[in-house]
Every structure is written in structure tokens, then in C-alpha cells.
């Protein structure tokens, strides 16, 4: 696996973790104001306090934080030496992109506003997915040799 893939995923995961943590703190601490304009289209507060900001009673910010805690752990550079995490990386990134598509739909169609902080997490998730997909398609021999080491 090229170093740039390993380090890019590590940095992106930490960035996603940081933004998710900020959104989670802002969700629970009303003294923390979201640094975001509040125009008609861009309004973080409207998005993060909408009825759609919870999924099955769990704040989306908390779901993002939990996702990025795991994602950052499996994208830590040393974790790339664990072969079984390759499939988990792809599965998590795929689920993350599907959830992002749902959230963007909700922001645009249901809430009528976009949260810039949320958008940054969406972009981080999407770029991470593209890097993981690129690595899987470009370096399949790495994945196969990892499987051989496990089975062998």
C-alpha cells in the first residue's frame, strides 16, 4: 500500500473525528456556538437542531463521532499491518457514503439548509471512500497477499 494512502486516510480520519467531536460538544453544550453563518441556505443551527438531527433517538453528531472513533482507529498507520481491516475499511467507508447521501438529501429537501461543518464531514467521508476504493482497485495484490498470510 502506498504511504500516501495510509497517511491520507489517517489525516482524513482524524479530521473527521475532530469535526464530529466539535459537533457533538455543540449538540450537548448550548454555550458552544457553531461557528457557521445563518443565511437562508447555510444554517448549521437549523440543521443540527432539526427533527432530522436524530436517528432512532441518537444525535447524528454522536453517530458521526462513534463512526470516526472506529474509522480513525482502523486507519491509524499501524493498523494497515492487520490484513482483516482492509475489508472493514471498505465496508465502513461505503456505509458512511450511503449515510452521507441520506443526510445531504435531508439537508436540502427536508430542512432546506446546509451545515458547513456537516458538509466538511461529508466531504471527508467521500474522499476517504474514494481513496480506499482506489487502493483496493489499484493494489488488489496487497489484499490477496494479506488473505494468504491469514489463511496460510
N, C-alpha and C. Protein backbone atom coordinates (compact mmCIF):
# COMPACT_ATOMS: atom_id res chain seq x y z
N UNK A 1 0.85 -1.18 0.00
CA UNK A 1 0.00 0.00 0.00
C UNK A 1 0.90 1.25 0.00
N UNK A 2 0.65 2.18 -0.88
CA UNK A 2 1.49 3.39 -0.90
C UNK A 2 1.34 4.19 0.39
N UNK A 3 2.42 4.80 0.77
CA UNK A 3 2.40 5.60 2.02
C UNK A 3 1.38 6.71 1.97
N UNK A 4 1.21 7.34 0.80
CA UNK A 4 0.29 8.47 0.74
C UNK A 4 -1.14 8.02 1.08
N UNK A 5 -1.51 6.79 0.71
CA UNK A 5 -2.84 6.27 1.04
C UNK A 5 -2.98 6.13 2.54
N UNK A 6 -1.98 5.54 3.16
CA UNK A 6 -2.00 5.31 4.61
C UNK A 6 -2.09 6.64 5.36
N UNK A 7 -1.23 7.58 5.00
CA UNK A 7 -1.21 8.85 5.72
C UNK A 7 -2.41 9.73 5.39
N UNK A 8 -2.87 9.70 4.15
CA UNK A 8 -4.05 10.48 3.78
C UNK A 8 -5.27 10.00 4.56
N UNK A 9 -5.43 8.67 4.65
CA UNK A 9 -6.58 8.14 5.40
C UNK A 9 -6.46 8.45 6.90
N UNK A 10 -5.25 8.39 7.42
CA UNK A 10 -5.05 8.73 8.82
C UNK A 10 -5.41 10.18 9.11
N UNK A 11 -4.94 11.08 8.26
CA UNK A 11 -5.21 12.52 8.45
C UNK A 11 -6.70 12.82 8.26
N UNK A 12 -7.29 12.26 7.21
CA UNK A 12 -8.72 12.48 6.98
C UNK A 12 -9.57 11.95 8.15
N UNK A 13 -9.19 10.79 8.65
CA UNK A 13 -9.94 10.20 9.77
C UNK A 13 -9.85 11.07 11.02
N UNK A 14 -8.67 11.59 11.28
CA UNK A 14 -8.51 12.48 12.45
C UNK A 14 -9.29 13.78 12.26
N UNK A 15 -9.32 14.29 11.03
CA UNK A 15 -10.10 15.50 10.75
C UNK A 15 -11.59 15.22 10.96
N UNK A 16 -12.07 14.08 10.46
CA UNK A 16 -13.47 13.70 10.66
C UNK A 16 -13.80 13.53 12.13
N UNK A 17 -12.87 12.94 12.87
CA UNK A 17 -13.05 12.77 14.31
C UNK A 17 -13.13 14.12 15.00
N UNK A 18 -12.27 15.04 14.62
CA UNK A 18 -12.26 16.36 15.24
C UNK A 18 -13.55 17.12 14.99
N UNK A 19 -14.01 17.14 13.75
CA UNK A 19 -15.25 17.86 13.43
C UNK A 19 -16.44 17.18 14.09
N UNK A 20 -16.46 15.87 14.10
CA UNK A 20 -17.56 15.14 14.76
C UNK A 20 -17.58 15.42 16.26
N UNK A 21 -16.41 15.50 16.86
CA UNK A 21 -16.34 15.82 18.29
C UNK A 21 -16.87 17.23 18.54
N UNK A 22 -16.48 18.18 17.70
CA UNK A 22 -16.96 19.57 17.82
C UNK A 22 -18.49 19.62 17.70
N UNK A 23 -19.04 18.92 16.72
CA UNK A 23 -20.50 18.91 16.55
C UNK A 23 -21.20 18.23 17.73
N UNK A 24 -20.58 17.21 18.29
CA UNK A 24 -21.17 16.53 19.45
C UNK A 24 -21.15 17.44 20.67
N UNK A 25 -20.04 18.11 20.91
CA UNK A 25 -19.96 19.06 22.03
C UNK A 25 -20.99 20.17 21.85
N UNK A 26 -21.08 20.71 20.64
CA UNK A 26 -22.04 21.78 20.36
C UNK A 26 -23.48 21.30 20.55
N UNK A 27 -23.71 20.03 20.28
CA UNK A 27 -25.06 19.48 20.47
C UNK A 27 -25.47 19.46 21.94
N UNK A 28 -24.54 19.07 22.79
CA UNK A 28 -24.86 18.92 24.22
C UNK A 28 -24.58 20.16 25.06
N UNK A 29 -23.73 21.06 24.61
CA UNK A 29 -23.37 22.25 25.38
C UNK A 29 -23.88 23.48 24.65
N UNK A 30 -24.96 24.06 25.16
CA UNK A 30 -25.58 25.20 24.50
C UNK A 30 -24.69 26.45 24.55
N UNK A 31 -23.66 26.44 25.38
CA UNK A 31 -22.74 27.57 25.43
C UNK A 31 -21.77 27.57 24.25
N UNK A 32 -21.66 26.42 23.59
CA UNK A 32 -20.78 26.32 22.42
C UNK A 32 -21.60 26.68 21.18
N UNK A 33 -21.26 27.81 20.60
CA UNK A 33 -21.96 28.24 19.39
C UNK A 33 -21.25 27.66 18.17
N UNK A 34 -22.05 27.18 17.24
CA UNK A 34 -21.48 26.66 16.00
C UNK A 34 -20.99 27.84 15.16
N UNK A 35 -19.73 27.83 14.83
CA UNK A 35 -19.16 28.89 14.01
C UNK A 35 -19.60 28.67 12.57
N UNK A 36 -20.73 29.23 12.23
CA UNK A 36 -21.34 28.98 10.93
C UNK A 36 -22.30 30.12 10.62
N UNK A 37 -22.31 30.62 9.40
CA UNK A 37 -23.27 31.67 9.06
C UNK A 37 -24.70 31.14 9.19
N UNK A 38 -25.62 32.04 9.34
CA UNK A 38 -27.03 31.61 9.40
C UNK A 38 -27.83 32.37 8.35
N UNK A 39 -27.51 32.08 7.11
CA UNK A 39 -28.27 32.63 6.00
C UNK A 39 -29.39 31.67 5.68
N UNK A 40 -30.11 31.92 4.63
CA UNK A 40 -31.22 31.04 4.27
C UNK A 40 -30.72 29.63 3.92
N UNK A 41 -29.66 29.56 3.10
CA UNK A 41 -29.19 28.25 2.67
C UNK A 41 -28.20 27.62 3.65
N UNK A 42 -27.31 28.43 4.20
CA UNK A 42 -26.30 27.91 5.13
C UNK A 42 -26.72 28.27 6.54
N UNK A 43 -27.05 27.24 7.31
CA UNK A 43 -27.51 27.47 8.68
C UNK A 43 -27.28 26.19 9.49
N UNK A 44 -26.13 26.13 10.14
CA UNK A 44 -25.76 24.92 10.90
C UNK A 44 -26.74 24.67 12.04
N UNK A 45 -27.15 25.72 12.72
CA UNK A 45 -28.05 25.54 13.86
C UNK A 45 -29.38 24.93 13.41
N UNK A 46 -29.91 25.41 12.29
CA UNK A 46 -31.17 24.88 11.79
C UNK A 46 -31.03 23.39 11.47
N UNK A 47 -29.90 23.02 10.88
CA UNK A 47 -29.69 21.61 10.51
C UNK A 47 -29.49 20.75 11.76
N UNK A 48 -28.64 21.21 12.68
CA UNK A 48 -28.29 20.37 13.82
C UNK A 48 -29.36 20.32 14.90
N UNK A 49 -30.37 21.16 14.80
CA UNK A 49 -31.47 21.13 15.77
C UNK A 49 -32.79 20.71 15.13
N UNK A 50 -32.73 20.33 13.85
CA UNK A 50 -33.96 19.92 13.16
C UNK A 50 -34.43 18.57 13.70
N UNK A 51 -35.69 18.23 13.43
CA UNK A 51 -36.17 16.90 13.85
C UNK A 51 -35.37 15.76 13.21
N UNK A 52 -34.69 16.06 12.12
CA UNK A 52 -33.91 15.04 11.41
C UNK A 52 -32.50 14.89 11.97
N UNK A 53 -32.17 15.66 13.00
CA UNK A 53 -30.81 15.61 13.55
C UNK A 53 -30.61 14.44 14.52
N UNK A 54 -31.64 13.63 14.67
CA UNK A 54 -31.56 12.41 15.48
C UNK A 54 -32.02 11.23 14.63
N UNK A 55 -31.34 10.11 14.77
CA UNK A 55 -31.73 8.88 14.09
C UNK A 55 -31.97 7.84 15.18
N UNK A 56 -33.20 7.39 15.27
CA UNK A 56 -33.62 6.45 16.32
C UNK A 56 -33.26 7.00 17.70
N UNK A 57 -33.45 8.31 17.87
CA UNK A 57 -33.21 8.95 19.16
C UNK A 57 -31.76 9.27 19.46
N UNK A 58 -30.85 8.96 18.55
CA UNK A 58 -29.43 9.23 18.75
C UNK A 58 -29.04 10.40 17.86
N UNK A 59 -28.42 11.44 18.44
CA UNK A 59 -28.00 12.58 17.63
C UNK A 59 -27.04 12.14 16.52
N UNK A 60 -27.23 12.69 15.33
CA UNK A 60 -26.37 12.37 14.19
C UNK A 60 -24.92 12.71 14.53
N UNK A 61 -24.70 13.77 15.30
CA UNK A 61 -23.34 14.14 15.69
C UNK A 61 -22.67 13.02 16.49
N UNK A 62 -23.42 12.37 17.35
CA UNK A 62 -22.88 11.25 18.15
C UNK A 62 -22.59 10.06 17.24
N UNK A 63 -23.49 9.80 16.29
CA UNK A 63 -23.24 8.71 15.34
C UNK A 63 -21.95 8.99 14.55
N UNK A 64 -21.76 10.24 14.14
CA UNK A 64 -20.54 10.61 13.44
C UNK A 64 -19.31 10.43 14.31
N UNK A 65 -19.42 10.81 15.57
CA UNK A 65 -18.30 10.65 16.49
C UNK A 65 -17.95 9.18 16.67
N UNK A 66 -18.95 8.34 16.87
CA UNK A 66 -18.71 6.90 17.03
C UNK A 66 -18.10 6.31 15.76
N UNK A 67 -18.64 6.71 14.60
CA UNK A 67 -18.11 6.24 13.33
C UNK A 67 -16.64 6.60 13.21
N UNK A 68 -16.31 7.86 13.48
CA UNK A 68 -14.93 8.30 13.29
C UNK A 68 -13.98 7.81 14.38
N UNK A 69 -14.49 7.45 15.55
CA UNK A 69 -13.63 6.80 16.54
C UNK A 69 -13.13 5.47 16.00
N UNK A 70 -14.04 4.70 15.43
CA UNK A 70 -13.67 3.40 14.86
C UNK A 70 -12.85 3.60 13.59
N UNK A 71 -13.31 4.50 12.72
CA UNK A 71 -12.64 4.72 11.43
C UNK A 71 -11.21 5.23 11.62
N UNK A 72 -11.02 6.13 12.57
CA UNK A 72 -9.67 6.63 12.84
C UNK A 72 -8.79 5.51 13.40
N UNK A 73 -9.36 4.65 14.20
CA UNK A 73 -8.60 3.53 14.76
C UNK A 73 -8.14 2.57 13.67
N UNK A 74 -9.04 2.22 12.76
CA UNK A 74 -8.65 1.26 11.72
C UNK A 74 -7.83 1.92 10.60
N UNK A 75 -7.78 3.25 10.58
CA UNK A 75 -6.96 3.96 9.60
C UNK A 75 -5.67 4.50 10.20
N UNK A 76 -5.41 4.15 11.44
CA UNK A 76 -4.14 4.51 12.06
C UNK A 76 -3.05 3.76 11.29
N UNK A 77 -1.94 4.41 10.96
CA UNK A 77 -0.93 3.76 10.10
C UNK A 77 -0.55 2.34 10.52
N UNK A 78 -0.39 2.08 11.79
CA UNK A 78 -0.01 0.73 12.24
C UNK A 78 -1.11 -0.30 11.96
N UNK A 79 -2.36 0.17 11.87
CA UNK A 79 -3.48 -0.74 11.63
C UNK A 79 -3.46 -1.32 10.23
N UNK A 80 -2.70 -0.71 9.32
CA UNK A 80 -2.62 -1.24 7.96
C UNK A 80 -1.85 -2.55 7.90
N UNK A 81 -1.18 -2.91 8.98
CA UNK A 81 -0.48 -4.19 9.01
C UNK A 81 -1.43 -5.33 9.42
N UNK A 82 -2.66 -5.00 9.76
CA UNK A 82 -3.65 -6.02 10.12
C UNK A 82 -4.52 -6.28 8.89
N UNK A 83 -4.31 -7.40 8.23
CA UNK A 83 -4.96 -7.67 6.94
C UNK A 83 -6.49 -7.63 6.97
N UNK A 84 -7.08 -8.11 8.02
CA UNK A 84 -8.55 -8.21 8.05
C UNK A 84 -9.23 -6.85 8.08
N UNK A 85 -8.49 -5.80 8.39
CA UNK A 85 -9.11 -4.47 8.46
C UNK A 85 -9.37 -3.86 7.09
N UNK A 86 -8.76 -4.42 6.07
CA UNK A 86 -8.95 -3.89 4.72
C UNK A 86 -10.41 -3.93 4.29
N UNK A 87 -11.05 -5.05 4.51
CA UNK A 87 -12.47 -5.18 4.15
C UNK A 87 -13.35 -4.32 5.04
N UNK A 88 -12.99 -4.22 6.31
CA UNK A 88 -13.75 -3.36 7.23
C UNK A 88 -13.66 -1.90 6.81
N UNK A 89 -12.47 -1.47 6.38
CA UNK A 89 -12.30 -0.10 5.89
C UNK A 89 -13.26 0.20 4.75
N UNK A 90 -13.29 -0.70 3.77
CA UNK A 90 -14.16 -0.51 2.61
C UNK A 90 -15.63 -0.54 3.02
N UNK A 91 -16.00 -1.46 3.88
CA UNK A 91 -17.39 -1.56 4.33
C UNK A 91 -17.82 -0.30 5.08
N UNK A 92 -16.97 0.16 5.98
CA UNK A 92 -17.32 1.37 6.75
C UNK A 92 -17.41 2.60 5.85
N UNK A 93 -16.45 2.73 4.95
CA UNK A 93 -16.46 3.89 4.04
C UNK A 93 -17.71 3.84 3.15
N UNK A 94 -18.09 2.66 2.70
CA UNK A 94 -19.29 2.52 1.87
C UNK A 94 -20.55 2.89 2.65
N UNK A 95 -20.66 2.39 3.86
CA UNK A 95 -21.81 2.74 4.70
C UNK A 95 -21.81 4.23 5.01
N UNK A 96 -20.62 4.78 5.24
CA UNK A 96 -20.51 6.21 5.51
C UNK A 96 -21.01 7.04 4.35
N UNK A 97 -20.65 6.67 3.13
CA UNK A 97 -21.11 7.41 1.95
C UNK A 97 -22.62 7.29 1.78
N UNK A 98 -23.16 6.12 2.00
CA UNK A 98 -24.62 5.96 1.90
C UNK A 98 -25.34 6.84 2.93
N UNK A 99 -24.82 6.90 4.14
CA UNK A 99 -25.42 7.74 5.17
C UNK A 99 -25.27 9.22 4.80
N UNK A 100 -24.12 9.59 4.24
CA UNK A 100 -23.88 10.96 3.80
C UNK A 100 -24.91 11.35 2.73
N UNK A 101 -25.16 10.46 1.78
CA UNK A 101 -26.15 10.75 0.73
C UNK A 101 -27.52 11.01 1.34
N UNK A 102 -27.89 10.20 2.33
CA UNK A 102 -29.16 10.41 3.03
C UNK A 102 -29.16 11.77 3.74
N UNK A 103 -28.08 12.09 4.43
CA UNK A 103 -28.02 13.35 5.17
C UNK A 103 -28.06 14.57 4.25
N UNK A 104 -27.40 14.50 3.12
CA UNK A 104 -27.44 15.61 2.16
C UNK A 104 -28.86 15.77 1.61
N UNK A 105 -29.52 14.67 1.33
CA UNK A 105 -30.91 14.72 0.89
C UNK A 105 -31.78 15.41 1.96
N UNK A 106 -31.60 15.01 3.20
CA UNK A 106 -32.39 15.60 4.29
C UNK A 106 -32.10 17.10 4.41
N UNK A 107 -30.82 17.47 4.36
CA UNK A 107 -30.47 18.88 4.47
C UNK A 107 -31.13 19.70 3.37
N UNK A 108 -31.02 19.24 2.14
CA UNK A 108 -31.53 20.01 1.00
C UNK A 108 -33.05 19.94 0.86
N UNK A 109 -33.61 18.75 1.02
CA UNK A 109 -35.04 18.57 0.74
C UNK A 109 -35.93 18.80 1.96
N UNK A 110 -35.54 18.32 3.09
CA UNK A 110 -36.40 18.39 4.28
C UNK A 110 -36.16 19.63 5.14
N UNK A 111 -34.87 19.95 5.38
CA UNK A 111 -34.54 21.07 6.27
C UNK A 111 -34.43 22.38 5.49
N UNK A 112 -33.94 22.30 4.27
CA UNK A 112 -33.80 23.49 3.45
C UNK A 112 -32.58 24.33 3.77
N UNK A 113 -31.64 23.76 4.49
CA UNK A 113 -30.40 24.44 4.83
C UNK A 113 -29.26 23.44 4.82
N UNK A 114 -28.05 23.99 4.72
CA UNK A 114 -26.84 23.17 4.73
C UNK A 114 -25.99 23.59 5.91
N UNK A 115 -25.43 22.62 6.59
CA UNK A 115 -24.49 22.87 7.68
C UNK A 115 -23.08 22.72 7.11
N UNK A 116 -22.28 23.79 7.21
CA UNK A 116 -20.92 23.73 6.67
C UNK A 116 -20.06 22.71 7.41
N UNK A 117 -20.23 22.59 8.71
CA UNK A 117 -19.46 21.61 9.48
C UNK A 117 -19.84 20.20 9.06
N UNK A 118 -21.13 19.98 8.88
CA UNK A 118 -21.59 18.66 8.43
C UNK A 118 -21.06 18.36 7.03
N UNK A 119 -21.07 19.38 6.18
CA UNK A 119 -20.57 19.21 4.82
C UNK A 119 -19.09 18.83 4.83
N UNK A 120 -18.34 19.39 5.75
CA UNK A 120 -16.92 19.02 5.82
C UNK A 120 -16.76 17.54 6.17
N UNK A 121 -17.58 17.05 7.09
CA UNK A 121 -17.54 15.62 7.43
C UNK A 121 -17.99 14.78 6.23
N UNK A 122 -18.99 15.27 5.51
CA UNK A 122 -19.46 14.54 4.33
C UNK A 122 -18.35 14.42 3.29
N UNK A 123 -17.65 15.52 3.06
CA UNK A 123 -16.55 15.51 2.09
C UNK A 123 -15.40 14.60 2.54
N UNK A 124 -15.08 14.65 3.83
CA UNK A 124 -14.03 13.78 4.37
C UNK A 124 -14.41 12.32 4.17
N UNK A 125 -15.66 11.99 4.43
CA UNK A 125 -16.14 10.61 4.27
C UNK A 125 -16.06 10.19 2.80
N UNK A 126 -16.49 11.07 1.91
CA UNK A 126 -16.50 10.74 0.49
C UNK A 126 -15.08 10.59 -0.06
N UNK A 127 -14.19 11.49 0.29
CA UNK A 127 -12.80 11.41 -0.18
C UNK A 127 -12.13 10.16 0.39
N UNK A 128 -12.40 9.85 1.64
CA UNK A 128 -11.85 8.62 2.25
C UNK A 128 -12.32 7.39 1.48
N UNK A 129 -13.60 7.36 1.14
CA UNK A 129 -14.15 6.26 0.36
C UNK A 129 -13.43 6.13 -0.98
N UNK A 130 -13.23 7.26 -1.67
CA UNK A 130 -12.56 7.23 -2.97
C UNK A 130 -11.13 6.71 -2.85
N UNK A 131 -10.42 7.13 -1.80
CA UNK A 131 -9.04 6.66 -1.60
C UNK A 131 -9.02 5.16 -1.32
N UNK A 132 -9.92 4.70 -0.48
CA UNK A 132 -9.99 3.27 -0.17
C UNK A 132 -10.34 2.46 -1.41
N UNK A 133 -11.31 2.94 -2.17
CA UNK A 133 -11.70 2.26 -3.40
C UNK A 133 -10.55 2.25 -4.40
N UNK A 134 -9.86 3.36 -4.55
CA UNK A 134 -8.69 3.45 -5.43
C UNK A 134 -7.63 2.42 -5.01
N UNK A 135 -7.35 2.37 -3.73
CA UNK A 135 -6.33 1.45 -3.23
C UNK A 135 -6.74 0.00 -3.47
N UNK A 136 -8.01 -0.30 -3.26
CA UNK A 136 -8.49 -1.69 -3.47
C UNK A 136 -8.40 -2.09 -4.93
N UNK A 137 -8.72 -1.15 -5.84
CA UNK A 137 -8.71 -1.47 -7.26
C UNK A 137 -7.31 -1.45 -7.86
N UNK A 138 -6.46 -0.58 -7.32
CA UNK A 138 -5.12 -0.42 -7.87
C UNK A 138 -4.13 -1.42 -7.29
N UNK A 139 -4.33 -1.81 -6.05
CA UNK A 139 -3.39 -2.71 -5.38
C UNK A 139 -4.09 -3.96 -4.85
N UNK A 140 -4.83 -4.68 -5.72
CA UNK A 140 -5.53 -5.88 -5.23
C UNK A 140 -4.57 -6.96 -4.76
N UNK A 141 -3.36 -6.98 -5.30
CA UNK A 141 -2.38 -7.99 -4.88
C UNK A 141 -2.03 -7.83 -3.40
N UNK A 142 -2.09 -6.60 -2.90
CA UNK A 142 -1.82 -6.37 -1.48
C UNK A 142 -2.89 -7.05 -0.63
N UNK A 143 -4.14 -6.93 -1.06
CA UNK A 143 -5.25 -7.54 -0.34
C UNK A 143 -5.13 -9.06 -0.41
N UNK A 144 -4.81 -9.59 -1.60
CA UNK A 144 -4.67 -11.04 -1.75
C UNK A 144 -3.52 -11.59 -0.91
N UNK A 145 -2.40 -10.87 -0.87
CA UNK A 145 -1.28 -11.36 -0.06
C UNK A 145 -1.62 -11.30 1.43
N UNK A 146 -2.45 -10.34 1.80
CA UNK A 146 -2.88 -10.26 3.20
C UNK A 146 -3.76 -11.47 3.51
N UNK A 147 -4.65 -11.85 2.60
CA UNK A 147 -5.52 -13.01 2.82
C UNK A 147 -4.68 -14.29 2.90
N UNK A 148 -3.68 -14.41 2.04
CA UNK A 148 -2.81 -15.58 2.03
C UNK A 148 -2.08 -15.71 3.37
N UNK A 149 -1.60 -14.60 3.89
CA UNK A 149 -0.91 -14.64 5.18
C UNK A 149 -1.82 -15.11 6.31
N UNK A 150 -3.09 -14.76 6.22
CA UNK A 150 -4.03 -15.18 7.26
C UNK A 150 -4.35 -16.67 7.11
N UNK A 151 -4.68 -17.08 5.89
CA UNK A 151 -5.11 -18.45 5.64
C UNK A 151 -3.94 -19.44 5.67
N UNK A 152 -2.74 -18.93 5.26
CA UNK A 152 -1.59 -19.79 5.07
C UNK A 152 -1.01 -20.29 6.34
